N, C-alpha and C. Protein backbone atom coordinates (compact mmCIF):
# COMPACT_ATOMS: atom_id res chain seq x y z
N MET A 1 63.87 8.39 -74.91
CA MET A 1 63.47 8.57 -73.06
C MET A 1 63.83 7.36 -72.52
N THR A 2 64.54 7.78 -71.60
CA THR A 2 65.01 6.92 -70.39
C THR A 2 64.04 6.34 -69.41
N LEU A 3 63.89 5.13 -69.44
CA LEU A 3 62.85 4.57 -68.26
C LEU A 3 63.59 3.70 -67.19
N VAL A 4 63.17 3.76 -65.91
CA VAL A 4 63.89 3.25 -64.95
C VAL A 4 63.09 2.14 -64.30
N LEU A 5 63.65 0.94 -64.27
CA LEU A 5 62.83 -0.16 -63.67
C LEU A 5 63.53 -0.38 -62.13
N ASP A 6 62.37 -0.56 -61.53
CA ASP A 6 62.83 -1.15 -60.13
C ASP A 6 62.81 -2.73 -59.98
N ALA A 7 63.28 -3.20 -58.83
CA ALA A 7 63.18 -4.34 -58.68
C ALA A 7 62.21 -5.20 -58.95
N CYS A 8 60.98 -4.75 -58.39
CA CYS A 8 59.53 -5.49 -58.45
C CYS A 8 59.07 -5.50 -60.11
N ALA A 9 59.61 -4.64 -60.77
CA ALA A 9 59.30 -4.80 -62.37
C ALA A 9 60.02 -5.67 -62.83
N ILE A 10 61.46 -5.96 -62.34
CA ILE A 10 62.08 -6.86 -63.13
C ILE A 10 61.75 -8.21 -62.79
N ILE A 11 61.36 -8.52 -61.48
CA ILE A 11 60.85 -9.75 -60.93
C ILE A 11 59.84 -9.88 -61.58
N ALA A 12 58.82 -9.47 -61.59
CA ALA A 12 57.39 -9.70 -62.34
C ALA A 12 57.97 -10.12 -63.90
N TYR A 13 58.71 -9.48 -64.66
CA TYR A 13 59.06 -9.51 -65.77
C TYR A 13 59.69 -11.26 -65.78
N LEU A 14 60.54 -11.22 -65.09
CA LEU A 14 61.11 -12.93 -64.84
C LEU A 14 60.17 -14.08 -64.43
N ARG A 15 59.43 -13.47 -63.62
CA ARG A 15 58.30 -14.76 -63.19
C ARG A 15 57.14 -14.82 -64.01
N ASP A 16 57.24 -13.71 -64.82
CA ASP A 16 55.97 -13.85 -65.85
C ASP A 16 54.65 -13.45 -65.38
N GLU A 17 54.89 -12.62 -64.26
CA GLU A 17 53.51 -12.20 -63.20
C GLU A 17 52.45 -10.84 -63.78
N GLU A 18 51.91 -10.24 -63.26
CA GLU A 18 51.15 -9.36 -63.92
C GLU A 18 52.09 -8.28 -64.22
N GLY A 19 51.87 -7.56 -65.35
CA GLY A 19 52.79 -6.58 -65.78
C GLY A 19 54.09 -7.08 -66.43
N ALA A 20 54.18 -8.21 -66.69
CA ALA A 20 55.29 -8.46 -67.20
C ALA A 20 55.34 -8.31 -68.69
N ASP A 21 54.20 -8.19 -69.26
CA ASP A 21 54.06 -7.72 -70.70
C ASP A 21 54.48 -6.00 -70.71
N VAL A 22 54.24 -5.27 -69.85
CA VAL A 22 54.51 -4.02 -70.01
C VAL A 22 56.14 -3.79 -70.17
N VAL A 23 56.54 -4.71 -69.20
CA VAL A 23 58.21 -4.62 -68.62
C VAL A 23 58.80 -5.26 -70.01
N GLU A 24 58.27 -5.96 -70.61
CA GLU A 24 58.84 -6.69 -71.68
C GLU A 24 58.92 -5.81 -72.99
N SER A 25 57.75 -4.83 -73.10
CA SER A 25 57.35 -4.10 -74.22
C SER A 25 58.56 -2.73 -73.95
N VAL A 26 58.59 -2.61 -72.79
CA VAL A 26 59.77 -1.48 -72.99
C VAL A 26 61.26 -2.12 -72.65
N LEU A 27 61.49 -3.12 -72.54
CA LEU A 27 62.65 -3.48 -72.72
C LEU A 27 62.90 -3.75 -73.99
N LEU A 28 62.06 -4.31 -74.86
CA LEU A 28 62.10 -4.65 -76.04
C LEU A 28 62.08 -3.52 -77.17
N GLY A 29 61.49 -2.33 -76.66
CA GLY A 29 61.27 -1.23 -77.09
C GLY A 29 62.59 -0.31 -77.39
N ASP A 30 61.64 1.02 -78.03
CA ASP A 30 63.28 1.89 -78.38
C ASP A 30 63.89 2.46 -77.23
N ASN A 31 63.08 2.84 -76.26
CA ASN A 31 63.58 3.47 -75.13
C ASN A 31 64.98 2.72 -74.38
N ALA A 32 65.60 3.69 -73.63
CA ALA A 32 66.62 3.12 -72.72
C ALA A 32 66.11 2.63 -71.45
N CYS A 33 66.42 1.57 -71.16
CA CYS A 33 65.98 0.96 -69.75
C CYS A 33 67.35 0.83 -68.82
N VAL A 34 67.35 1.50 -67.63
CA VAL A 34 67.96 1.29 -66.64
C VAL A 34 67.88 0.68 -65.22
N ALA A 35 68.34 0.28 -64.62
CA ALA A 35 68.25 -0.06 -63.11
C ALA A 35 69.27 0.00 -62.43
N HIS A 36 69.07 0.31 -61.17
CA HIS A 36 70.38 0.91 -60.27
C HIS A 36 70.97 -0.58 -59.88
N ALA A 37 71.97 -0.78 -59.40
CA ALA A 37 72.61 -1.74 -58.96
C ALA A 37 72.02 -2.28 -57.44
N VAL A 38 71.58 -1.32 -57.03
CA VAL A 38 70.80 -1.85 -55.69
C VAL A 38 69.30 -2.65 -56.02
N ASN A 39 68.78 -2.03 -56.87
CA ASN A 39 67.51 -3.07 -57.45
C ASN A 39 68.12 -4.33 -58.01
N VAL A 40 69.42 -4.30 -58.89
CA VAL A 40 69.65 -5.22 -59.71
C VAL A 40 69.89 -6.70 -58.62
N CYS A 41 70.38 -6.02 -57.68
CA CYS A 41 71.08 -7.13 -56.34
C CYS A 41 69.72 -7.77 -55.86
N GLU A 42 68.70 -6.65 -55.57
CA GLU A 42 67.74 -7.36 -55.20
C GLU A 42 66.90 -8.34 -55.89
N VAL A 43 67.09 -8.33 -57.40
CA VAL A 43 66.67 -9.20 -58.31
C VAL A 43 67.43 -10.62 -58.14
N TYR A 44 68.62 -10.36 -57.97
CA TYR A 44 69.86 -11.36 -57.90
C TYR A 44 69.17 -11.95 -56.55
N TYR A 45 69.15 -11.46 -55.28
CA TYR A 45 68.81 -12.54 -54.20
C TYR A 45 67.53 -13.04 -54.24
N ASP A 46 66.54 -12.33 -54.93
CA ASP A 46 65.23 -12.96 -55.20
C ASP A 46 65.29 -14.26 -56.16
N CYS A 47 66.08 -14.17 -57.28
CA CYS A 47 66.18 -15.14 -58.07
C CYS A 47 67.08 -16.51 -57.37
N LEU A 48 68.08 -16.34 -56.55
CA LEU A 48 68.58 -17.29 -55.88
C LEU A 48 67.79 -17.86 -54.86
N ARG A 49 66.74 -17.52 -54.52
CA ARG A 49 66.05 -18.17 -53.57
C ARG A 49 65.18 -19.08 -54.46
N ARG A 50 64.86 -19.21 -55.38
CA ARG A 50 64.39 -20.13 -56.49
C ARG A 50 65.11 -21.12 -57.28
N ASP A 51 66.35 -20.56 -57.89
CA ASP A 51 67.30 -20.94 -58.57
C ASP A 51 68.60 -21.15 -58.24
N ASP A 52 69.47 -21.78 -59.14
CA ASP A 52 70.85 -21.82 -58.40
C ASP A 52 71.36 -20.63 -59.12
N THR A 53 72.71 -20.54 -58.57
CA THR A 53 73.39 -19.60 -59.12
C THR A 53 73.63 -19.41 -60.45
N ALA A 54 74.01 -20.29 -61.33
CA ALA A 54 74.21 -20.36 -62.86
C ALA A 54 72.97 -19.92 -63.45
N GLN A 55 71.72 -20.34 -63.17
CA GLN A 55 70.21 -19.75 -63.54
C GLN A 55 70.28 -18.41 -63.15
N THR A 56 70.24 -18.10 -62.12
CA THR A 56 70.05 -16.38 -61.84
C THR A 56 71.39 -15.72 -62.45
N ASP A 57 72.59 -16.02 -62.62
CA ASP A 57 73.37 -15.15 -63.62
C ASP A 57 73.02 -15.35 -65.00
N GLU A 58 72.18 -16.63 -65.45
CA GLU A 58 71.83 -16.46 -67.03
C GLU A 58 70.58 -15.37 -66.68
N PHE A 59 69.70 -15.11 -66.09
CA PHE A 59 68.78 -14.33 -66.05
C PHE A 59 69.18 -13.04 -66.32
N LEU A 60 70.20 -12.77 -65.27
CA LEU A 60 70.85 -11.13 -65.48
C LEU A 60 71.61 -10.80 -66.65
N GLU A 61 72.16 -11.92 -67.38
CA GLU A 61 73.03 -11.68 -68.57
C GLU A 61 71.73 -11.67 -69.80
N ASP A 62 70.57 -12.20 -69.49
CA ASP A 62 69.53 -12.17 -70.77
C ASP A 62 69.20 -10.90 -70.59
N LEU A 63 69.04 -10.22 -69.20
CA LEU A 63 68.55 -8.94 -69.14
C LEU A 63 69.44 -7.50 -69.87
N ALA A 64 70.83 -7.97 -69.57
CA ALA A 64 71.90 -7.18 -69.80
C ALA A 64 71.89 -7.11 -71.66
N SER A 65 71.44 -8.38 -72.27
CA SER A 65 71.73 -8.59 -73.64
C SER A 65 70.43 -8.09 -74.37
N ILE A 66 69.35 -8.07 -73.53
CA ILE A 66 68.18 -7.28 -74.51
C ILE A 66 67.86 -5.61 -74.05
N GLY A 67 68.86 -5.25 -73.46
CA GLY A 67 69.25 -3.79 -73.02
C GLY A 67 69.24 -3.04 -72.03
N LEU A 68 69.06 -3.97 -70.82
CA LEU A 68 68.88 -3.22 -69.41
C LEU A 68 70.16 -3.08 -68.98
N ILE A 69 70.35 -1.49 -68.87
CA ILE A 69 71.66 -0.80 -68.48
C ILE A 69 71.69 -0.76 -66.98
N THR A 70 72.61 -1.39 -66.21
CA THR A 70 72.80 -1.35 -64.45
C THR A 70 73.75 -0.10 -64.26
N ARG A 71 73.05 0.76 -63.67
CA ARG A 71 73.83 1.79 -62.99
C ARG A 71 74.31 1.64 -61.80
N GLU A 72 75.93 2.09 -61.53
CA GLU A 72 76.12 1.52 -60.00
C GLU A 72 76.84 2.69 -59.49
N ASP A 73 76.57 3.86 -60.06
CA ASP A 73 76.72 5.28 -59.19
C ASP A 73 75.94 5.44 -58.13
N MET A 74 76.42 5.79 -57.24
CA MET A 74 75.36 6.16 -55.50
C MET A 74 76.14 7.09 -54.96
N ASP A 75 75.73 8.54 -55.32
CA ASP A 75 76.60 9.31 -54.33
C ASP A 75 75.29 9.96 -53.38
N ALA A 76 75.75 10.62 -52.15
CA ALA A 76 74.82 11.28 -51.13
C ALA A 76 73.28 11.81 -51.93
N ALA A 77 73.72 12.32 -52.99
CA ALA A 77 72.57 13.18 -53.66
C ALA A 77 71.50 12.25 -54.29
N PHE A 78 72.28 11.16 -55.00
CA PHE A 78 71.32 10.13 -55.48
C PHE A 78 70.76 9.37 -54.54
N TRP A 79 71.11 8.68 -53.37
CA TRP A 79 70.48 7.83 -52.52
C TRP A 79 69.59 8.84 -51.71
N LYS A 80 70.07 10.04 -51.46
CA LYS A 80 68.89 11.18 -50.63
C LYS A 80 67.36 11.21 -51.57
N MET A 81 67.78 11.26 -52.93
CA MET A 81 66.52 11.45 -53.94
C MET A 81 65.77 9.95 -53.69
N ALA A 82 66.48 8.96 -53.99
CA ALA A 82 66.11 7.95 -53.98
C ALA A 82 64.83 7.48 -52.65
N GLY A 83 65.75 7.91 -51.71
CA GLY A 83 65.02 8.09 -50.46
C GLY A 83 63.77 9.04 -50.12
N GLY A 84 64.18 9.94 -50.67
CA GLY A 84 62.80 10.78 -50.68
C GLY A 84 61.58 10.23 -51.61
N TYR A 85 61.90 9.46 -52.85
CA TYR A 85 61.00 9.16 -53.51
C TYR A 85 60.25 8.08 -52.74
N LYS A 86 60.77 7.02 -52.03
CA LYS A 86 60.37 6.07 -51.26
C LYS A 86 59.66 6.49 -50.19
N GLY A 87 60.11 7.39 -49.48
CA GLY A 87 59.61 8.00 -48.27
C GLY A 87 58.20 8.72 -48.75
N SER A 88 58.60 9.66 -49.48
CA SER A 88 57.16 10.34 -50.04
C SER A 88 55.75 9.50 -50.45
N ASN A 89 56.34 8.48 -51.36
CA ASN A 89 55.29 7.46 -51.64
C ASN A 89 54.94 6.40 -50.60
N ARG A 90 55.42 6.13 -49.68
CA ARG A 90 55.03 5.24 -48.68
C ARG A 90 53.89 6.10 -48.02
N LYS A 91 54.04 7.39 -47.37
CA LYS A 91 53.20 8.05 -47.10
C LYS A 91 51.68 8.13 -47.85
N ARG A 92 51.77 8.14 -49.18
CA ARG A 92 50.88 8.67 -50.15
C ARG A 92 49.97 7.00 -50.29
N PHE A 93 50.40 5.90 -50.24
CA PHE A 93 49.94 4.83 -50.47
C PHE A 93 49.56 3.93 -49.09
N SER A 94 49.92 4.49 -48.10
CA SER A 94 49.90 3.53 -47.05
C SER A 94 48.41 3.84 -46.34
N SER A 95 47.62 3.06 -45.67
CA SER A 95 46.51 2.85 -45.48
C SER A 95 46.28 2.81 -44.05
């Protein structure tokens, strides 16, 4: 099975926040884990707010070494699908 991680999940893992154990289990498990480059960019700039460039690059290298695959493709069909998910979830979870 392929699991898709968003920036929030990756950041929670890196900061050892709530849910970090779940992210760790999927990263170290038998499933393929992917994140889009846009989400990895979010992780990168979030880490840069707390750490220097070298440490941030090391975090990303560590993620890649344990199996996180970065997807870099993005055509109109992909970003419309992602936007559709984001838009429909916003309506469902807003109060």
